[in-house]
Amino acid sequence: MIASHGHAAERIARVSSPSESRTVFVNDRVSYRTEETARVISVHGVVFAHYDTRDRAAEVYAMVTLVDAGYADQHDVARAFGYSTRSLRRYHAHDEAAGLAALVRGPGRPPAEADMQRFFQVTPPSVHQMVVALEQAGWISRKPRVPRSIAVLVDRHVLPELNPGYGQPVKITVTRY
């Protein structure tokens, strides 16, 4: 009788193992589960944060908040989320200095054509044609043969937000045959 209970318990443990359920345990109180691009962080089984894994600012904010609230230490959080402890300390310092806005990168430097190729998942000639067309339409300016010299000439607030690669809806202006 005891042997059969042992096999049942072993079977249950195998069915609900963390690797199969995509659950990561930060410590004995905190865990997170990732399904496709959605991540849910739980503290003592209660949802603490829910965000899209592509949203770096949301992830950083959740990590900093877990540490600030005392639910986990920096080392455990950094290890579980795949960051270095040093990076997490830097994010924490930025958050304390300037709040959530400091956790999001600013406009940064202009993109190179290779960056656009990776973002839109298209070939180099397609990106170059797109850049030339945007320049001719008066939407951007650039200096020929000067890397990263693209400047947007329209108000950024009227531009749609772009999703990386396959997530971006495509408008087709050509009529079908």
N, C-alpha and C. Protein backbone atom coordinates (compact mmCIF):
# COMPACT_ATOMS: atom_id res chain seq x y z
N MET A 1 0.83 -1.20 0.00
CA MET A 1 0.00 0.00 0.00
C MET A 1 0.87 1.26 0.00
N ILE A 2 1.93 1.30 0.81
CA ILE A 2 2.79 2.48 0.88
C ILE A 2 3.50 2.68 -0.45
N ALA A 3 3.91 1.59 -1.10
CA ALA A 3 4.60 1.69 -2.39
C ALA A 3 3.70 2.33 -3.44
N SER A 4 2.40 2.01 -3.44
CA SER A 4 1.52 2.60 -4.44
C SER A 4 1.35 4.10 -4.21
N HIS A 5 1.32 4.53 -2.92
CA HIS A 5 1.26 5.96 -2.64
C HIS A 5 2.51 6.66 -3.12
N GLY A 6 3.65 6.00 -2.96
CA GLY A 6 4.92 6.58 -3.42
C GLY A 6 4.91 6.80 -4.92
N HIS A 7 4.39 5.81 -5.67
CA HIS A 7 4.33 5.96 -7.13
C HIS A 7 3.36 7.06 -7.52
N ALA A 8 2.23 7.18 -6.82
CA ALA A 8 1.26 8.24 -7.13
C ALA A 8 1.87 9.60 -6.86
N ALA A 9 2.57 9.73 -5.73
CA ALA A 9 3.20 11.01 -5.41
C ALA A 9 4.28 11.35 -6.43
N GLU A 10 5.03 10.35 -6.86
CA GLU A 10 6.07 10.57 -7.87
C GLU A 10 5.42 11.02 -9.18
N ARG A 11 4.29 10.41 -9.55
CA ARG A 11 3.58 10.76 -10.77
C ARG A 11 3.06 12.20 -10.68
N ILE A 12 2.51 12.58 -9.54
CA ILE A 12 2.00 13.94 -9.35
C ILE A 12 3.14 14.95 -9.43
N ALA A 13 4.26 14.64 -8.79
CA ALA A 13 5.41 15.54 -8.83
C ALA A 13 5.92 15.70 -10.25
N ARG A 14 5.90 14.62 -11.03
CA ARG A 14 6.39 14.70 -12.40
C ARG A 14 5.45 15.56 -13.25
N VAL A 15 4.13 15.46 -13.05
CA VAL A 15 3.16 16.22 -13.83
C VAL A 15 3.27 17.71 -13.55
N SER A 16 3.54 18.09 -12.30
CA SER A 16 3.53 19.51 -11.96
C SER A 16 4.93 20.06 -11.71
N SER A 17 5.92 19.54 -12.40
CA SER A 17 7.27 20.07 -12.19
C SER A 17 7.37 21.48 -12.75
N PRO A 18 8.17 22.33 -12.12
CA PRO A 18 8.29 23.73 -12.55
C PRO A 18 8.75 23.88 -13.99
N SER A 19 9.61 23.00 -14.49
CA SER A 19 10.10 23.16 -15.85
C SER A 19 8.99 22.95 -16.87
N GLU A 20 8.06 22.04 -16.58
CA GLU A 20 6.95 21.81 -17.50
C GLU A 20 5.92 22.93 -17.41
N SER A 21 5.76 23.52 -16.24
CA SER A 21 4.73 24.55 -16.07
C SER A 21 5.24 25.95 -16.39
N ARG A 22 6.52 26.07 -16.74
CA ARG A 22 7.13 27.36 -17.06
C ARG A 22 7.04 28.35 -15.90
N THR A 23 7.10 27.84 -14.70
CA THR A 23 7.09 28.65 -13.50
C THR A 23 8.51 28.74 -12.99
N VAL A 24 8.93 29.96 -12.65
CA VAL A 24 10.27 30.19 -12.10
C VAL A 24 10.08 30.67 -10.67
N PHE A 25 10.80 30.05 -9.75
CA PHE A 25 10.72 30.43 -8.35
C PHE A 25 11.88 31.35 -8.01
N VAL A 26 11.56 32.58 -7.60
CA VAL A 26 12.58 33.55 -7.20
C VAL A 26 13.09 33.19 -5.82
N ASN A 27 12.17 32.92 -4.91
CA ASN A 27 12.48 32.42 -3.56
C ASN A 27 11.24 31.68 -3.05
N ASP A 28 11.16 31.46 -1.74
CA ASP A 28 10.02 30.71 -1.22
C ASP A 28 8.71 31.50 -1.23
N ARG A 29 8.76 32.81 -1.47
CA ARG A 29 7.56 33.64 -1.50
C ARG A 29 7.15 34.09 -2.90
N VAL A 30 8.14 34.27 -3.78
CA VAL A 30 7.90 34.90 -5.07
C VAL A 30 8.16 33.91 -6.21
N SER A 31 7.25 33.91 -7.18
CA SER A 31 7.44 33.10 -8.39
C SER A 31 6.83 33.87 -9.55
N TYR A 32 7.23 33.48 -10.76
CA TYR A 32 6.55 34.04 -11.93
C TYR A 32 6.34 32.95 -12.96
N ARG A 33 5.30 33.16 -13.76
CA ARG A 33 4.92 32.21 -14.79
C ARG A 33 4.83 32.97 -16.11
N THR A 34 5.39 32.39 -17.17
CA THR A 34 5.38 33.01 -18.47
C THR A 34 4.60 32.14 -19.45
N GLU A 35 3.64 32.72 -20.11
CA GLU A 35 2.86 32.05 -21.16
C GLU A 35 2.97 32.92 -22.39
N GLU A 36 3.62 32.40 -23.43
CA GLU A 36 3.88 33.14 -24.66
C GLU A 36 4.57 34.45 -24.32
N THR A 37 3.92 35.59 -24.46
CA THR A 37 4.58 36.87 -24.14
C THR A 37 4.03 37.50 -22.87
N ALA A 38 3.15 36.83 -22.15
CA ALA A 38 2.58 37.37 -20.92
C ALA A 38 3.31 36.78 -19.71
N ARG A 39 3.60 37.61 -18.74
CA ARG A 39 4.25 37.14 -17.52
C ARG A 39 3.44 37.62 -16.32
N VAL A 40 3.23 36.71 -15.37
CA VAL A 40 2.52 37.02 -14.14
C VAL A 40 3.45 36.72 -12.97
N ILE A 41 3.68 37.72 -12.12
CA ILE A 41 4.50 37.55 -10.92
C ILE A 41 3.56 37.40 -9.74
N SER A 42 3.80 36.38 -8.92
CA SER A 42 2.97 36.14 -7.74
C SER A 42 3.81 36.20 -6.48
N VAL A 43 3.22 36.75 -5.43
CA VAL A 43 3.83 36.76 -4.10
C VAL A 43 2.86 36.03 -3.18
N HIS A 44 3.31 34.94 -2.60
CA HIS A 44 2.46 34.09 -1.76
C HIS A 44 1.19 33.68 -2.50
N GLY A 45 1.30 33.46 -3.82
CA GLY A 45 0.16 33.02 -4.62
C GLY A 45 -0.78 34.12 -5.07
N VAL A 46 -0.52 35.37 -4.68
CA VAL A 46 -1.36 36.50 -5.07
C VAL A 46 -0.65 37.25 -6.19
N VAL A 47 -1.39 37.63 -7.24
CA VAL A 47 -0.79 38.32 -8.37
C VAL A 47 -0.22 39.66 -7.92
N PHE A 48 1.06 39.84 -8.19
CA PHE A 48 1.79 41.06 -7.82
C PHE A 48 1.94 41.97 -9.04
N ALA A 49 2.23 41.39 -10.19
CA ALA A 49 2.39 42.17 -11.43
C ALA A 49 2.05 41.28 -12.61
N HIS A 50 1.58 41.91 -13.68
CA HIS A 50 1.25 41.21 -14.92
C HIS A 50 1.66 42.13 -16.06
N TYR A 51 2.50 41.64 -16.98
CA TYR A 51 2.97 42.49 -18.07
C TYR A 51 3.39 41.65 -19.26
N ASP A 52 3.60 42.32 -20.38
CA ASP A 52 4.09 41.69 -21.60
C ASP A 52 5.61 41.59 -21.49
N THR A 53 6.17 40.44 -21.82
CA THR A 53 7.61 40.23 -21.66
C THR A 53 8.43 41.13 -22.58
N ARG A 54 7.82 41.71 -23.60
CA ARG A 54 8.54 42.63 -24.48
C ARG A 54 8.63 44.03 -23.89
N ASP A 55 7.90 44.28 -22.80
CA ASP A 55 7.90 45.59 -22.14
C ASP A 55 8.98 45.61 -21.08
N ARG A 56 10.18 46.06 -21.45
CA ARG A 56 11.32 46.05 -20.55
C ARG A 56 11.09 46.95 -19.34
N ALA A 57 10.47 48.09 -19.54
CA ALA A 57 10.23 49.01 -18.43
C ALA A 57 9.33 48.38 -17.38
N ALA A 58 8.30 47.66 -17.81
CA ALA A 58 7.39 47.00 -16.86
C ALA A 58 8.14 45.92 -16.08
N GLU A 59 9.01 45.18 -16.76
CA GLU A 59 9.76 44.13 -16.08
C GLU A 59 10.72 44.74 -15.05
N VAL A 60 11.43 45.78 -15.46
CA VAL A 60 12.38 46.43 -14.54
C VAL A 60 11.65 47.01 -13.35
N TYR A 61 10.50 47.65 -13.60
CA TYR A 61 9.72 48.23 -12.50
C TYR A 61 9.26 47.13 -11.54
N ALA A 62 8.81 46.01 -12.08
CA ALA A 62 8.37 44.90 -11.22
C ALA A 62 9.53 44.36 -10.38
N MET A 63 10.71 44.22 -10.99
CA MET A 63 11.87 43.72 -10.25
C MET A 63 12.26 44.69 -9.14
N VAL A 64 12.32 45.98 -9.45
CA VAL A 64 12.69 46.99 -8.45
C VAL A 64 11.67 47.01 -7.32
N THR A 65 10.39 46.90 -7.65
CA THR A 65 9.34 46.93 -6.65
C THR A 65 9.38 45.69 -5.75
N LEU A 66 9.70 44.52 -6.31
CA LEU A 66 9.85 43.32 -5.50
C LEU A 66 10.93 43.51 -4.44
N VAL A 67 12.04 44.12 -4.83
CA VAL A 67 13.15 44.35 -3.89
C VAL A 67 12.75 45.41 -2.88
N ASP A 68 12.16 46.53 -3.34
CA ASP A 68 11.76 47.62 -2.44
C ASP A 68 10.75 47.15 -1.40
N ALA A 69 9.83 46.29 -1.80
CA ALA A 69 8.79 45.81 -0.89
C ALA A 69 9.32 44.75 0.08
N GLY A 70 10.53 44.27 -0.16
CA GLY A 70 11.13 43.29 0.74
C GLY A 70 10.71 41.86 0.48
N TYR A 71 10.09 41.60 -0.67
CA TYR A 71 9.66 40.24 -0.98
C TYR A 71 10.83 39.35 -1.43
N ALA A 72 11.88 39.96 -1.97
CA ALA A 72 13.04 39.20 -2.43
C ALA A 72 14.26 40.12 -2.40
N ASP A 73 15.44 39.52 -2.32
CA ASP A 73 16.64 40.36 -2.36
C ASP A 73 17.12 40.50 -3.81
N GLN A 74 18.02 41.46 -4.00
CA GLN A 74 18.49 41.77 -5.35
C GLN A 74 19.11 40.57 -6.05
N HIS A 75 19.88 39.78 -5.33
CA HIS A 75 20.55 38.64 -5.94
C HIS A 75 19.55 37.62 -6.48
N ASP A 76 18.52 37.30 -5.70
CA ASP A 76 17.51 36.33 -6.12
C ASP A 76 16.72 36.84 -7.33
N VAL A 77 16.32 38.11 -7.28
CA VAL A 77 15.54 38.69 -8.38
C VAL A 77 16.38 38.73 -9.66
N ALA A 78 17.61 39.22 -9.55
CA ALA A 78 18.48 39.31 -10.73
C ALA A 78 18.70 37.93 -11.35
N ARG A 79 18.99 36.94 -10.53
CA ARG A 79 19.23 35.59 -11.02
C ARG A 79 18.00 35.02 -11.72
N ALA A 80 16.84 35.16 -11.10
CA ALA A 80 15.62 34.58 -11.64
C ALA A 80 15.20 35.23 -12.96
N PHE A 81 15.43 36.54 -13.11
CA PHE A 81 15.00 37.24 -14.31
C PHE A 81 16.10 37.34 -15.37
N GLY A 82 17.29 36.82 -15.06
CA GLY A 82 18.36 36.80 -16.06
C GLY A 82 19.12 38.11 -16.18
N TYR A 83 19.16 38.91 -15.12
CA TYR A 83 19.92 40.16 -15.10
C TYR A 83 21.09 39.99 -14.14
N SER A 84 22.06 40.87 -14.26
CA SER A 84 23.14 40.88 -13.28
C SER A 84 22.67 41.68 -12.06
N THR A 85 23.25 41.39 -10.92
CA THR A 85 22.91 42.15 -9.71
C THR A 85 23.28 43.61 -9.89
N ARG A 86 24.38 43.84 -10.58
CA ARG A 86 24.82 45.22 -10.84
C ARG A 86 23.76 45.99 -11.65
N SER A 87 23.20 45.35 -12.68
CA SER A 87 22.16 46.00 -13.48
C SER A 87 20.94 46.33 -12.63
N LEU A 88 20.55 45.39 -11.78
CA LEU A 88 19.40 45.62 -10.92
C LEU A 88 19.67 46.77 -9.95
N ARG A 89 20.89 46.85 -9.41
CA ARG A 89 21.24 47.98 -8.53
C ARG A 89 21.16 49.30 -9.29
N ARG A 90 21.62 49.30 -10.55
CA ARG A 90 21.55 50.51 -11.38
C ARG A 90 20.10 50.91 -11.62
N TYR A 91 19.24 49.93 -11.97
CA TYR A 91 17.82 50.23 -12.18
C TYR A 91 17.20 50.80 -10.91
N HIS A 92 17.57 50.24 -9.77
CA HIS A 92 17.05 50.72 -8.49
C HIS A 92 17.48 52.16 -8.24
N ALA A 93 18.74 52.47 -8.53
CA ALA A 93 19.25 53.84 -8.35
C ALA A 93 18.53 54.81 -9.29
N HIS A 94 18.31 54.41 -10.54
CA HIS A 94 17.58 55.26 -11.48
C HIS A 94 16.16 55.51 -10.99
N ASP A 95 15.51 54.46 -10.48
CA ASP A 95 14.14 54.59 -9.99
C ASP A 95 14.07 55.53 -8.80
N GLU A 96 15.02 55.41 -7.88
CA GLU A 96 15.03 56.30 -6.72
C GLU A 96 15.32 57.74 -7.11
N ALA A 97 16.18 57.93 -8.11
CA ALA A 97 16.56 59.29 -8.51
C ALA A 97 15.46 60.02 -9.28
N ALA A 98 14.82 59.31 -10.22
CA ALA A 98 13.87 60.01 -11.08
C ALA A 98 12.56 59.26 -11.31
N GLY A 99 12.32 58.19 -10.61
CA GLY A 99 11.06 57.48 -10.73
C GLY A 99 10.97 56.60 -11.97
N LEU A 100 9.75 56.23 -12.30
CA LEU A 100 9.49 55.29 -13.39
C LEU A 100 10.02 55.80 -14.73
N ALA A 101 9.95 57.09 -14.97
CA ALA A 101 10.41 57.64 -16.25
C ALA A 101 11.89 57.33 -16.48
N ALA A 102 12.67 57.21 -15.42
CA ALA A 102 14.10 56.94 -15.57
C ALA A 102 14.36 55.50 -15.99
N LEU A 103 13.38 54.62 -15.83
CA LEU A 103 13.57 53.22 -16.20
C LEU A 103 13.35 52.97 -17.68
N VAL A 104 12.76 53.94 -18.37
CA VAL A 104 12.50 53.82 -19.80
C VAL A 104 13.58 54.60 -20.54
N ARG A 105 14.18 53.96 -21.54
CA ARG A 105 15.21 54.65 -22.31
C ARG A 105 14.60 55.80 -23.07
N GLY A 106 15.35 56.86 -23.17
CA GLY A 106 14.93 58.03 -23.93
C GLY A 106 15.00 57.77 -25.42
N PRO A 107 14.89 58.83 -26.22
CA PRO A 107 14.88 58.65 -27.65
C PRO A 107 16.17 58.03 -28.19
N GLY A 108 17.29 58.27 -27.52
CA GLY A 108 18.53 57.61 -27.92
C GLY A 108 19.07 58.08 -29.25
N ARG A 109 19.87 57.24 -29.88
CA ARG A 109 20.48 57.61 -31.15
C ARG A 109 19.61 57.13 -32.31
N PRO A 110 19.76 57.77 -33.46
CA PRO A 110 18.97 57.36 -34.62
C PRO A 110 19.31 55.93 -35.04
N PRO A 111 18.36 55.26 -35.68
CA PRO A 111 18.61 53.88 -36.08
C PRO A 111 19.50 53.80 -37.32
N ALA A 112 20.23 52.72 -37.41
CA ALA A 112 20.95 52.40 -38.64
C ALA A 112 20.00 51.56 -39.50
N GLU A 113 20.29 51.45 -40.77
CA GLU A 113 19.44 50.64 -41.63
C GLU A 113 19.43 49.18 -41.16
N ALA A 114 20.55 48.70 -40.61
CA ALA A 114 20.61 47.33 -40.09
C ALA A 114 19.65 47.15 -38.91
N ASP A 115 19.50 48.20 -38.06
CA ASP A 115 18.54 48.14 -36.95
C ASP A 115 17.12 47.99 -37.48
N MET A 116 16.80 48.77 -38.52
CA MET A 116 15.46 48.69 -39.11
C MET A 116 15.23 47.33 -39.76
N GLN A 117 16.28 46.79 -40.38
CA GLN A 117 16.16 45.47 -41.00
C GLN A 117 15.79 44.42 -39.95
N ARG A 118 16.46 44.46 -38.80
CA ARG A 118 16.16 43.50 -37.73
C ARG A 118 14.77 43.74 -37.16
N PHE A 119 14.40 45.00 -36.95
CA PHE A 119 13.11 45.32 -36.35
C PHE A 119 11.95 44.86 -37.23
N PHE A 120 12.01 45.20 -38.54
CA PHE A 120 10.90 44.87 -39.44
C PHE A 120 11.05 43.50 -40.09
N GLN A 121 12.19 42.84 -39.88
CA GLN A 121 12.46 41.51 -40.42
C GLN A 121 12.30 41.50 -41.94
N VAL A 122 13.02 42.42 -42.59
CA VAL A 122 13.02 42.51 -44.05
C VAL A 122 14.46 42.54 -44.55
N THR A 123 14.62 42.53 -45.86
CA THR A 123 15.96 42.50 -46.46
C THR A 123 16.58 43.90 -46.49
N PRO A 124 17.90 43.99 -46.60
CA PRO A 124 18.56 45.31 -46.68
C PRO A 124 18.05 46.19 -47.82
N PRO A 125 17.84 45.65 -49.04
CA PRO A 125 17.32 46.52 -50.10
C PRO A 125 15.94 47.10 -49.77
N SER A 126 15.10 46.31 -49.09
CA SER A 126 13.77 46.79 -48.71
C SER A 126 13.87 47.97 -47.75
N VAL A 127 14.78 47.86 -46.79
CA VAL A 127 14.96 48.95 -45.82
C VAL A 127 15.46 50.20 -46.54
N HIS A 128 16.43 50.03 -47.42
CA HIS A 128 16.98 51.20 -48.12
C HIS A 128 15.91 51.88 -48.97
N GLN A 129 15.09 51.09 -49.68
CA GLN A 129 14.00 51.66 -50.47
C GLN A 129 13.02 52.41 -49.58
N MET A 130 12.74 51.85 -48.40
CA MET A 130 11.83 52.50 -47.47
C MET A 130 12.40 53.85 -46.99
N VAL A 131 13.69 53.87 -46.66
CA VAL A 131 14.34 55.11 -46.20
C VAL A 131 14.32 56.16 -47.29
N VAL A 132 14.65 55.76 -48.52
CA VAL A 132 14.64 56.70 -49.65
C VAL A 132 13.24 57.24 -49.89
N ALA A 133 12.23 56.38 -49.83
CA ALA A 133 10.84 56.80 -50.03
C ALA A 133 10.39 57.77 -48.93
N LEU A 134 10.75 57.50 -47.69
CA LEU A 134 10.38 58.39 -46.59
C LEU A 134 11.06 59.75 -46.73
N GLU A 135 12.30 59.73 -47.18
CA GLU A 135 13.03 60.99 -47.39
C GLU A 135 12.40 61.79 -48.53
N GLN A 136 12.05 61.14 -49.63
CA GLN A 136 11.43 61.81 -50.76
C GLN A 136 10.05 62.38 -50.39
N ALA A 137 9.35 61.69 -49.49
CA ALA A 137 8.03 62.15 -49.05
C ALA A 137 8.13 63.30 -48.06
N GLY A 138 9.35 63.58 -47.57
CA GLY A 138 9.53 64.67 -46.63
C GLY A 138 9.27 64.31 -45.18
N TRP A 139 9.22 63.02 -44.87
CA TRP A 139 8.95 62.59 -43.50
C TRP A 139 10.21 62.47 -42.67
N ILE A 140 11.33 62.22 -43.34
CA ILE A 140 12.62 62.13 -42.64
C ILE A 140 13.67 62.91 -43.42
N SER A 141 14.77 63.22 -42.76
CA SER A 141 15.93 63.77 -43.46
C SER A 141 17.13 62.92 -43.05
N ARG A 142 18.13 62.90 -43.91
CA ARG A 142 19.35 62.16 -43.61
C ARG A 142 20.49 62.76 -44.39
N LYS A 143 21.68 62.47 -43.94
CA LYS A 143 22.89 62.91 -44.64
C LYS A 143 23.47 61.69 -45.34
N PRO A 144 23.57 61.75 -46.66
CA PRO A 144 24.10 60.59 -47.39
C PRO A 144 25.50 60.21 -46.91
N ARG A 145 25.72 58.92 -46.79
CA ARG A 145 26.99 58.31 -46.39
C ARG A 145 27.42 58.69 -44.97
N VAL A 146 26.49 59.19 -44.15
CA VAL A 146 26.77 59.46 -42.74
C VAL A 146 25.91 58.51 -41.92
N PRO A 147 26.55 57.60 -41.17
CA PRO A 147 25.75 56.63 -40.42
C PRO A 147 24.91 57.29 -39.34
N ARG A 148 23.73 56.71 -39.12
CA ARG A 148 22.81 57.15 -38.05
C ARG A 148 22.47 58.64 -38.13
N SER A 149 22.23 59.12 -39.33
CA SER A 149 21.92 60.55 -39.50
C SER A 149 20.45 60.79 -39.80
N ILE A 150 19.61 59.78 -39.65
CA ILE A 150 18.17 59.92 -39.93
C ILE A 150 17.51 60.76 -38.84
N ALA A 151 16.72 61.75 -39.27
CA ALA A 151 15.96 62.58 -38.33
C ALA A 151 14.50 62.58 -38.79
N VAL A 152 13.58 62.38 -37.87
CA VAL A 152 12.14 62.39 -38.18
C VAL A 152 11.68 63.83 -38.25
N LEU A 153 10.98 64.19 -39.33
CA LEU A 153 10.55 65.57 -39.55
C LEU A 153 9.09 65.81 -39.19
N VAL A 154 8.34 64.77 -38.86
CA VAL A 154 6.94 64.92 -38.46
C VAL A 154 6.84 64.79 -36.95
N ASP A 155 5.77 65.31 -36.39
CA ASP A 155 5.54 65.22 -34.95
C ASP A 155 5.40 63.76 -34.55
N ARG A 156 6.20 63.30 -33.61
CA ARG A 156 6.20 61.89 -33.21
C ARG A 156 4.86 61.46 -32.60
N HIS A 157 4.07 62.39 -32.09
CA HIS A 157 2.79 62.04 -31.48
C HIS A 157 1.76 61.59 -32.51
N VAL A 158 1.93 61.97 -33.78
CA VAL A 158 0.97 61.55 -34.80
C VAL A 158 1.38 60.23 -35.44
N LEU A 159 2.57 59.72 -35.11
CA LEU A 159 3.02 58.45 -35.66
C LEU A 159 2.47 57.29 -34.85
N PRO A 160 2.10 56.18 -35.51
CA PRO A 160 1.61 55.02 -34.76
C PRO A 160 2.76 54.34 -34.02
N GLU A 161 2.43 53.68 -32.92
CA GLU A 161 3.44 52.91 -32.19
C GLU A 161 3.71 51.63 -32.95
N LEU A 162 4.98 51.29 -33.11
CA LEU A 162 5.35 50.11 -33.88
C LEU A 162 5.57 48.92 -32.97
N ASN A 163 5.14 47.76 -33.45
CA ASN A 163 5.41 46.49 -32.77
C ASN A 163 6.52 45.80 -33.54
N PRO A 164 7.41 45.09 -32.86
CA PRO A 164 8.50 44.43 -33.58
C PRO A 164 8.02 43.35 -34.54
N GLY A 165 8.67 43.29 -35.68
CA GLY A 165 8.53 42.21 -36.64
C GLY A 165 7.12 41.80 -36.98
N TYR A 166 6.82 40.54 -36.73
CA TYR A 166 5.55 39.94 -37.14
C TYR A 166 4.34 40.54 -36.42
N GLY A 167 4.54 41.24 -35.32
CA GLY A 167 3.42 41.81 -34.56
C GLY A 167 2.88 43.09 -35.16
N GLN A 168 3.56 43.63 -36.18
CA GLN A 168 3.16 44.89 -36.77
C GLN A 168 2.11 44.66 -37.85
N PRO A 169 0.92 45.29 -37.73
CA PRO A 169 -0.06 45.16 -38.80
C PRO A 169 0.44 45.87 -40.06
N VAL A 170 0.10 45.34 -41.20
CA VAL A 170 0.58 45.89 -42.47
C VAL A 170 -0.62 46.43 -43.24
N LYS A 171 -0.50 47.68 -43.72
CA LYS A 171 -1.52 48.27 -44.58
C LYS A 171 -1.12 48.00 -46.02
N ILE A 172 -2.04 47.46 -46.79
CA ILE A 172 -1.78 47.20 -48.19
C ILE A 172 -2.57 48.21 -49.00
N THR A 173 -1.87 49.00 -49.81
CA THR A 173 -2.54 50.03 -50.59
C THR A 173 -2.77 49.59 -52.03
N VAL A 174 -2.25 48.45 -52.41
CA VAL A 174 -2.41 47.95 -53.77
C VAL A 174 -3.69 47.12 -53.83
N THR A 175 -4.48 47.36 -54.87
CA THR A 175 -5.70 46.55 -55.01
C THR A 175 -5.33 45.16 -55.47
N ARG A 176 -6.09 44.20 -55.02
CA ARG A 176 -5.83 42.80 -55.37
C ARG A 176 -6.38 42.51 -56.77
N TYR A 177 -5.79 41.51 -57.40
CA TYR A 177 -6.23 41.13 -58.73
C TYR A 177 -7.46 40.29 -58.69
